[in-house]
C-alpha atoms as a PDB file:
ATOM      1  CA  UNK A   1     -14.876  84.860  34.514  1.00  0.00           C
ATOM      2  CA  UNK A   2     -13.262  84.924  31.134  1.00  0.00           C
ATOM      3  CA  UNK A   3     -13.352  81.905  28.851  1.00  0.00           C
ATOM      4  CA  UNK A   4     -11.463  81.878  25.514  1.00  0.00           C
ATOM      5  CA  UNK A   5     -13.303  80.393  22.564  1.00  0.00           C
ATOM      6  CA  UNK A   6     -11.085  79.345  19.612  1.00  0.00           C
ATOM      7  CA  UNK A   7     -13.396  77.752  17.182  1.00  0.00           C
ATOM      8  CA  UNK A   8     -12.917  80.745  14.792  1.00  0.00           C
ATOM      9  CA  UNK A   9      -9.171  80.099  14.358  1.00  0.00           C
ATOM     10  CA  UNK A  10      -7.721  78.596  11.359  1.00  0.00           C
ATOM     11  CA  UNK A  11      -4.041  78.138  12.414  1.00  0.00           C
ATOM     12  CA  UNK A  12      -2.881  79.833   9.311  1.00  0.00           C
ATOM     13  CA  UNK A  13      -2.025  83.303  10.682  1.00  0.00           C
ATOM     14  CA  UNK A  14      -5.052  84.926   9.114  1.00  0.00           C
ATOM     15  CA  UNK A  15      -7.231  87.627  10.663  1.00  0.00           C
ATOM     16  CA  UNK A  16      -9.013  84.953  12.796  1.00  0.00           C
ATOM     17  CA  UNK A  17      -5.742  83.972  14.466  1.00  0.00           C
ATOM     18  CA  UNK A  18      -5.108  87.530  15.425  1.00  0.00           C
ATOM     19  CA  UNK A  19      -8.494  87.779  17.021  1.00  0.00           C
ATOM     20  CA  UNK A  20      -9.377  86.591  20.495  1.00  0.00           C
ATOM     21  CA  UNK A  21     -13.081  85.739  21.080  1.00  0.00           C
ATOM     22  CA  UNK A  22     -13.966  85.505  24.824  1.00  0.00           C
ATOM     23  CA  UNK A  23     -17.066  84.537  26.828  1.00  0.00           C
ATOM     24  CA  UNK A  24     -17.200  87.026  29.677  1.00  0.00           C
ATOM     25  CA  UNK A  25     -19.802  85.374  31.976  1.00  0.00           C
ATOM     26  CA  UNK A  26     -20.947  81.964  33.199  1.00  0.00           C
ATOM     27  CA  UNK A  27     -23.787  79.909  31.878  1.00  0.00           C
ATOM     28  CA  UNK A  28     -26.973  81.239  33.744  1.00  0.00           C
ATOM     29  CA  UNK A  29     -30.030  79.307  35.035  1.00  0.00           C
ATOM     30  CA  UNK A  30     -32.134  82.316  34.447  1.00  0.00           C
ATOM     31  CA  UNK A  31     -31.031  82.713  30.750  1.00  0.00           C
ATOM     32  CA  UNK A  32     -31.516  78.889  29.915  1.00  0.00           C
ATOM     33  CA  UNK A  33     -28.085  77.650  30.585  1.00  0.00           C
ATOM     34  CA  UNK A  34     -26.418  79.932  28.047  1.00  0.00           C
ATOM     35  CA  UNK A  35     -23.771  82.595  28.433  1.00  0.00           C
ATOM     36  CA  UNK A  36     -24.773  86.213  27.618  1.00  0.00           C
ATOM     37  CA  UNK A  37     -21.667  88.422  27.262  1.00  0.00           C
ATOM     38  CA  UNK A  38     -18.918  88.052  24.494  1.00  0.00           C
ATOM     39  CA  UNK A  39     -16.032  90.119  23.497  1.00  0.00           C
ATOM     40  CA  UNK A  40     -13.880  90.177  20.351  1.00  0.00           C
ATOM     41  CA  UNK A  41     -10.407  91.689  20.786  1.00  0.00           C
ATOM     42  CA  UNK A  42      -6.786  91.657  19.365  1.00  0.00           C
ATOM     43  CA  UNK A  43      -5.093  88.515  20.408  1.00  0.00           C
ATOM     44  CA  UNK A  44      -1.874  90.297  21.306  1.00  0.00           C
ATOM     45  CA  UNK A  45      -3.743  93.148  23.248  1.00  0.00           C
ATOM     46  CA  UNK A  46      -6.987  92.006  24.775  1.00  0.00           C
ATOM     47  CA  UNK A  47      -7.710  95.580  25.879  1.00  0.00           C
ATOM     48  CA  UNK A  48      -7.994  96.518  22.311  1.00  0.00           C
ATOM     49  CA  UNK A  49     -11.618  95.443  21.974  1.00  0.00           C
ATOM     50  CA  UNK A  50     -13.462  95.375  18.614  1.00  0.00           C
ATOM     51  CA  UNK A  51     -16.935  94.177  19.913  1.00  0.00           C
ATOM     52  CA  UNK A  52     -18.863  93.428  22.854  1.00  0.00           C
ATOM     53  CA  UNK A  53     -22.077  91.470  22.382  1.00  0.00           C
ATOM     54  CA  UNK A  54     -24.646  91.196  25.273  1.00  0.00           C
ATOM     55  CA  UNK A  55     -27.507  88.782  24.524  1.00  0.00           C
ATOM     56  CA  UNK A  56     -31.043  88.735  26.040  1.00  0.00           C
ATOM     57  CA  UNK A  57     -30.566  87.508  29.700  1.00  0.00           C
ATOM     58  CA  UNK A  58     -33.824  85.803  30.951  1.00  0.00           C
ATOM     59  CA  UNK A  59     -37.363  85.635  29.276  1.00  0.00           C
ATOM     60  CA  UNK A  60     -38.559  89.098  28.169  1.00  0.00           C
ATOM     61  CA  UNK A  61     -41.807  88.643  29.949  1.00  0.00           C
ATOM     62  CA  UNK A  62     -39.966  88.280  33.294  1.00  0.00           C
ATOM     63  CA  UNK A  63     -36.771  90.453  32.634  1.00  0.00           C
ATOM     64  CA  UNK A  64     -37.720  92.882  29.882  1.00  0.00           C
ATOM     65  CA  UNK A  65     -35.539  93.546  26.867  1.00  0.00           C
ATOM     66  CA  UNK A  66     -32.006  93.596  27.967  1.00  0.00           C
ATOM     67  CA  UNK A  67     -29.894  92.297  25.071  1.00  0.00           C
ATOM     68  CA  UNK A  68     -29.854  91.122  21.526  1.00  0.00           C
ATOM     69  CA  UNK A  69     -30.980  87.842  20.132  1.00  0.00           C
ATOM     70  CA  UNK A  70     -29.178  84.965  18.362  1.00  0.00           C
ATOM     71  CA  UNK A  71     -31.498  85.985  15.319  1.00  0.00           C
ATOM     72  CA  UNK A  72     -30.234  89.546  15.252  1.00  0.00           C
ATOM     73  CA  UNK A  73     -26.601  88.316  15.061  1.00  0.00           C
ATOM     74  CA  UNK A  74     -27.409  85.904  12.288  1.00  0.00           C
ATOM     75  CA  UNK A  75     -29.164  88.809  10.417  1.00  0.00           C
ATOM     76  CA  UNK A  76     -26.018  91.075  10.705  1.00  0.00           C
ATOM     77  CA  UNK A  77     -23.959  88.236   9.227  1.00  0.00           C
ATOM     78  CA  UNK A  78     -26.435  87.681   6.397  1.00  0.00           C
ATOM     79  CA  UNK A  79     -26.521  91.332   5.459  1.00  0.00           C
ATOM     80  CA  UNK A  80     -22.778  91.590   5.547  1.00  0.00           C
ATOM     81  CA  UNK A  81     -22.468  88.534   3.217  1.00  0.00           C
ATOM     82  CA  UNK A  82     -25.096  89.694   0.856  1.00  0.00           C
ATOM     83  CA  UNK A  83     -23.337  92.866   0.443  1.00  0.00           C
ATOM     84  CA  UNK A  84     -20.071  91.047  -0.433  1.00  0.00           C
ATOM     85  CA  UNK A  85     -21.974  88.862  -2.953  1.00  0.00           C
ATOM     86  CA  UNK A  86     -23.395  91.990  -4.605  1.00  0.00           C
ATOM     87  CA  UNK A  87     -19.799  93.373  -5.026  1.00  0.00           C
ATOM     88  CA  UNK A  88     -16.321  92.447  -6.202  1.00  0.00           C
ATOM     89  CA  UNK A  89     -15.847  89.932  -3.534  1.00  0.00           C
ATOM     90  CA  UNK A  90     -18.630  87.532  -4.594  1.00  0.00           C
ATOM     91  CA  UNK A  91     -17.591  83.796  -4.430  1.00  0.00           C
ATOM     92  CA  UNK A  92     -18.996  80.344  -4.021  1.00  0.00           C
ATOM     93  CA  UNK A  93     -17.802  80.057  -0.479  1.00  0.00           C
ATOM     94  CA  UNK A  94     -19.722  83.100   0.633  1.00  0.00           C
ATOM     95  CA  UNK A  95     -22.803  81.895  -1.274  1.00  0.00           C
ATOM     96  CA  UNK A  96     -22.706  78.636   0.643  1.00  0.00           C
ATOM     97  CA  UNK A  97     -22.201  80.366   3.963  1.00  0.00           C
ATOM     98  CA  UNK A  98     -25.300  82.533   3.153  1.00  0.00           C
ATOM     99  CA  UNK A  99     -27.425  79.406   2.510  1.00  0.00           C
ATOM    100  CA  UNK A 100     -26.403  77.981   5.951  1.00  0.00           C
ATOM    101  CA  UNK A 101     -26.852  81.263   7.821  1.00  0.00           C
ATOM    102  CA  UNK A 102     -30.175  81.636   6.312  1.00  0.00           C
ATOM    103  CA  UNK A 103     -31.189  77.992   7.171  1.00  0.00           C
ATOM    104  CA  UNK A 104     -30.129  78.702  10.734  1.00  0.00           C
ATOM    105  CA  UNK A 105     -32.130  81.791  10.964  1.00  0.00           C
ATOM    106  CA  UNK A 106     -35.284  79.910   9.700  1.00  0.00           C
ATOM    107  CA  UNK A 107     -34.687  77.228  12.141  1.00  0.00           C
ATOM    108  CA  UNK A 108     -34.774  79.760  14.919  1.00  0.00           C
ATOM    109  CA  UNK A 109     -37.906  81.452  13.397  1.00  0.00           C
ATOM    110  CA  UNK A 110     -39.503  78.027  13.372  1.00  0.00           C
ATOM    111  CA  UNK A 111     -38.724  77.461  16.969  1.00  0.00           C
ATOM    112  CA  UNK A 112     -40.212  80.840  17.832  1.00  0.00           C
ATOM    113  CA  UNK A 113     -43.383  80.114  15.824  1.00  0.00           C
ATOM    114  CA  UNK A 114     -43.820  76.884  17.888  1.00  0.00           C
ATOM    115  CA  UNK A 115     -43.267  78.626  21.144  1.00  0.00           C
ATOM    116  CA  UNK A 116     -45.827  81.329  20.260  1.00  0.00           C
ATOM    117  CA  UNK A 117     -48.370  78.708  19.239  1.00  0.00           C
ATOM    118  CA  UNK A 118     -47.846  76.871  22.522  1.00  0.00           C
ATOM    119  CA  UNK A 119     -48.196  80.238  24.433  1.00  0.00           C
ATOM    120  CA  UNK A 120     -44.743  79.920  26.009  1.00  0.00           C
ATOM    121  CA  UNK A 121     -42.652  82.399  24.037  1.00  0.00           C
ATOM    122  CA  UNK A 122     -41.020  85.017  26.325  1.00  0.00           C
ATOM    123  CA  UNK A 123     -40.772  82.648  29.274  1.00  0.00           C
ATOM    124  CA  UNK A 124     -38.582  79.670  30.351  1.00  0.00           C
ATOM    125  CA  UNK A 125     -41.472  77.122  29.931  1.00  0.00           C
ATOM    126  CA  UNK A 126     -40.875  74.452  27.535  1.00  0.00           C
ATOM    127  CA  UNK A 127     -43.242  73.912  24.501  1.00  0.00           C
ATOM    128  CA  UNK A 128     -44.919  70.594  24.531  1.00  0.00           C
ATOM    129  CA  UNK A 129     -43.757  69.770  20.928  1.00  0.00           C
ATOM    130  CA  UNK A 130     -40.270  70.976  21.506  1.00  0.00           C
ATOM    131  CA  UNK A 131     -38.650  68.243  23.673  1.00  0.00           C
ATOM    132  CA  UNK A 132     -34.917  68.689  24.480  1.00  0.00           C
ATOM    133  CA  UNK A 133     -32.644  67.220  21.833  1.00  0.00           C
ATOM    134  CA  UNK A 134     -29.048  66.157  21.809  1.00  0.00           C
ATOM    135  CA  UNK A 135     -26.466  68.446  20.196  1.00  0.00           C
ATOM    136  CA  UNK A 136     -26.651  68.165  16.486  1.00  0.00           C
ATOM    137  CA  UNK A 137     -23.811  66.706  14.811  1.00  0.00           C
ATOM    138  CA  UNK A 138     -21.547  68.844  12.597  1.00  0.00           C
ATOM    139  CA  UNK A 139     -21.922  67.866   8.859  1.00  0.00           C
ATOM    140  CA  UNK A 140     -18.671  66.407   7.613  1.00  0.00           C
ATOM    141  CA  UNK A 141     -17.283  68.474   4.586  1.00  0.00           C
ATOM    142  CA  UNK A 142     -16.362  66.203   1.842  1.00  0.00           C
ATOM    143  CA  UNK A 143     -12.713  66.393   0.829  1.00  0.00           C
ATOM    144  CA  UNK A 144     -12.192  67.112  -2.926  1.00  0.00           C
ATOM    145  CA  UNK A 145     -10.229  64.466  -4.625  1.00  0.00           C
ATOM    146  CA  UNK A 146      -7.327  65.919  -6.777  1.00  0.00           C
ATOM    147  CA  UNK A 147      -8.116  66.003 -10.547  1.00  0.00           C
ATOM    148  CA  UNK A 148      -5.869  63.573 -12.603  1.00  0.00           C
ATOM    149  CA  UNK A 149      -4.082  65.123 -15.490  1.00  0.00           C
ATOM    150  CA  UNK A 150      -4.421  63.541 -18.822  1.00  0.00           C
ATOM    151  CA  UNK A 151      -0.997  62.493 -20.239  1.00  0.00           C
END
């Protein structure tokens, strides 16, 4: 099964519009209902693959280590943006993105700490203090109002 993901596209013809992101498997009961294999390729030639990401499939205690974690992928993005920020491509947008990525990583670390404390990390068991929640709402970005010129 191959399912295209288009949340990265901007519609402006930039790099992201020239890339195709695809989920290569179905959500799994063993893996908590998530998909586990993704590919990034050229949109005009899907055989020209740039990345294949395989996430952990099933709890480590039951299925051993067999893929990367969400945290490892976030760490790659943080490292990349930190290097842009240390060089000639530093900008406010990258700085804000870094804050959000670091916050996301911290949230994931907090979840792991709670699961370790509840002695359920590495299993499909639910931590008592971690009840299922509805999908978080996206934060709406405020539109900047145009500056009025002084005549």
